N, C-alpha and C. Protein backbone atom coordinates (compact mmCIF):
# COMPACT_ATOMS: atom_id res chain seq x y z
N MET A 1 -14.24 20.35 8.83
CA MET A 1 -13.34 19.84 9.62
C MET A 1 -12.33 18.67 9.37
N PRO A 2 -11.27 18.72 9.42
CA PRO A 2 -10.26 17.70 9.04
C PRO A 2 -10.78 16.21 9.88
N LEU A 3 -10.63 15.37 9.26
CA LEU A 3 -10.73 14.16 9.54
C LEU A 3 -9.75 13.57 10.26
N PRO A 4 -9.74 12.90 11.56
CA PRO A 4 -8.61 12.22 12.67
C PRO A 4 -7.85 11.59 11.52
N VAL A 5 -6.39 11.78 12.02
CA VAL A 5 -5.35 10.86 11.30
C VAL A 5 -5.28 9.46 12.20
N ALA A 6 -5.58 8.62 11.53
CA ALA A 6 -5.71 6.93 11.94
C ALA A 6 -4.01 6.66 12.18
N GLU A 7 -4.28 5.85 13.59
CA GLU A 7 -2.84 5.40 14.08
C GLU A 7 -2.45 4.49 12.56
N VAL A 8 -0.81 4.38 12.28
CA VAL A 8 -0.07 3.55 11.27
C VAL A 8 -0.54 1.93 11.99
N SER A 9 -0.94 0.64 11.15
CA SER A 9 -0.87 -0.14 11.48
C SER A 9 0.38 -0.94 10.06
N GLY A 10 0.49 -2.30 11.34
CA GLY A 10 1.59 -2.88 10.14
C GLY A 10 0.74 -4.13 9.52
N ARG A 11 -0.58 -4.10 10.41
CA ARG A 11 -1.34 -5.52 9.32
C ARG A 11 -2.30 -4.10 8.52
N TYR A 12 -2.61 -3.10 8.73
CA TYR A 12 -4.01 -2.70 7.34
C TYR A 12 -3.36 -1.44 6.96
N LEU A 13 -3.92 -1.64 5.50
CA LEU A 13 -3.16 -0.84 4.73
C LEU A 13 -3.82 0.69 4.97
N SER A 14 -2.72 2.03 4.69
CA SER A 14 -3.50 2.96 4.78
C SER A 14 -3.88 3.73 3.61
N LEU A 15 -5.33 4.71 4.08
CA LEU A 15 -5.82 4.62 2.57
C LEU A 15 -4.58 5.60 1.08
N GLU A 16 -3.93 5.97 2.26
CA GLU A 16 -2.91 6.67 1.37
C GLU A 16 -2.05 5.41 0.37
N GLU A 17 -1.51 4.17 1.13
CA GLU A 17 -0.83 3.06 0.54
C GLU A 17 -2.17 2.78 -0.51
N ARG A 18 -3.12 2.30 -0.31
CA ARG A 18 -4.21 1.75 -1.10
C ARG A 18 -4.21 2.58 -2.44
N LEU A 19 -4.30 3.82 -2.65
CA LEU A 19 -4.36 5.00 -3.76
C LEU A 19 -2.66 4.60 -4.64
N ARG A 20 -1.72 4.57 -3.90
CA ARG A 20 -0.85 4.57 -3.84
C ARG A 20 -0.67 2.98 -5.06
N ILE A 21 -0.84 1.72 -4.42
CA ILE A 21 -0.82 0.49 -4.88
C ILE A 21 -2.03 0.70 -6.15
N ALA A 22 -3.06 1.30 -6.19
CA ALA A 22 -4.30 1.16 -7.33
C ALA A 22 -3.65 2.28 -8.54
N ASP A 23 -2.50 3.06 -8.28
CA ASP A 23 -1.95 3.92 -9.11
C ASP A 23 -0.95 2.80 -10.34
N LEU A 24 0.17 2.21 -9.22
CA LEU A 24 0.87 1.70 -9.56
C LEU A 24 0.38 0.15 -10.51
N HIS A 25 -0.76 -0.45 -9.96
CA HIS A 25 -1.89 -1.29 -11.06
C HIS A 25 -2.32 -1.01 -12.04
N LEU A 26 -2.66 0.31 -11.39
CA LEU A 26 -2.90 0.71 -13.13
C LEU A 26 -1.91 1.30 -14.34
N GLY A 27 -1.09 1.13 -13.40
CA GLY A 27 0.16 1.75 -14.32
C GLY A 27 1.08 0.64 -14.86
N GLY A 28 0.47 -0.71 -14.87
CA GLY A 28 1.18 -1.95 -15.35
C GLY A 28 2.11 -3.04 -14.43
N THR A 29 2.94 -1.80 -12.87
CA THR A 29 3.48 -2.21 -12.03
C THR A 29 2.76 -4.02 -11.50
N GLY A 30 4.02 -5.03 -11.14
CA GLY A 30 3.32 -6.30 -11.01
C GLY A 30 3.17 -6.11 -9.70
N VAL A 31 3.21 -7.20 -8.82
CA VAL A 31 2.57 -6.98 -7.90
C VAL A 31 3.25 -7.15 -6.73
N ARG A 32 4.50 -8.13 -7.01
CA ARG A 32 5.85 -8.12 -5.94
C ARG A 32 6.71 -6.95 -6.28
N ALA A 33 6.80 -6.34 -7.22
CA ALA A 33 7.54 -4.88 -7.15
C ALA A 33 7.18 -3.84 -6.38
N ILE A 34 5.46 -3.96 -6.65
CA ILE A 34 4.41 -2.69 -5.77
C ILE A 34 5.03 -3.32 -4.59
N ALA A 35 5.11 -4.40 -3.82
CA ALA A 35 4.99 -4.71 -2.53
C ALA A 35 6.37 -4.47 -2.21
N ALA A 36 7.96 -4.25 -3.16
CA ALA A 36 8.62 -4.20 -2.51
C ALA A 36 8.80 -1.82 -2.55
N LEU A 37 7.98 -1.63 -3.65
CA LEU A 37 7.79 0.15 -3.57
C LEU A 37 6.97 0.21 -2.06
N VAL A 38 6.22 -0.58 -1.68
CA VAL A 38 5.43 0.44 -0.75
C VAL A 38 5.74 -0.62 0.91
N GLY A 39 7.08 -1.03 -0.09
CA GLY A 39 7.99 -1.61 1.53
C GLY A 39 6.69 -2.88 2.40
N ARG A 40 5.56 -3.27 1.62
CA ARG A 40 5.00 -4.62 2.26
C ARG A 40 5.11 -5.65 1.53
N PHE A 41 5.75 -6.90 1.98
CA PHE A 41 6.52 -8.09 1.38
C PHE A 41 5.26 -9.03 2.36
N GLY A 42 4.99 -10.21 1.39
CA GLY A 42 4.20 -11.37 1.95
C GLY A 42 4.81 -12.31 2.48
N LEU A 43 4.40 -13.28 2.66
CA LEU A 43 4.76 -14.33 3.37
C LEU A 43 5.36 -15.24 2.29
N LEU A 44 5.28 -14.92 0.89
CA LEU A 44 5.79 -16.01 0.38
C LEU A 44 7.19 -16.27 0.10
N PRO A 45 7.53 -17.63 -0.17
CA PRO A 45 8.57 -18.19 0.02
C PRO A 45 9.25 -17.72 -1.45
């Protein structure tokens, strides 16, 4: 039985986003570059 698809949240990362971030991090991509690639920008000045 397939798992139900969760609603997209602006606050929480999906499993797919978490896995992509982990792959990018392991590949040596910086934090700010990862944020730009996944479209999640922090509140940093």
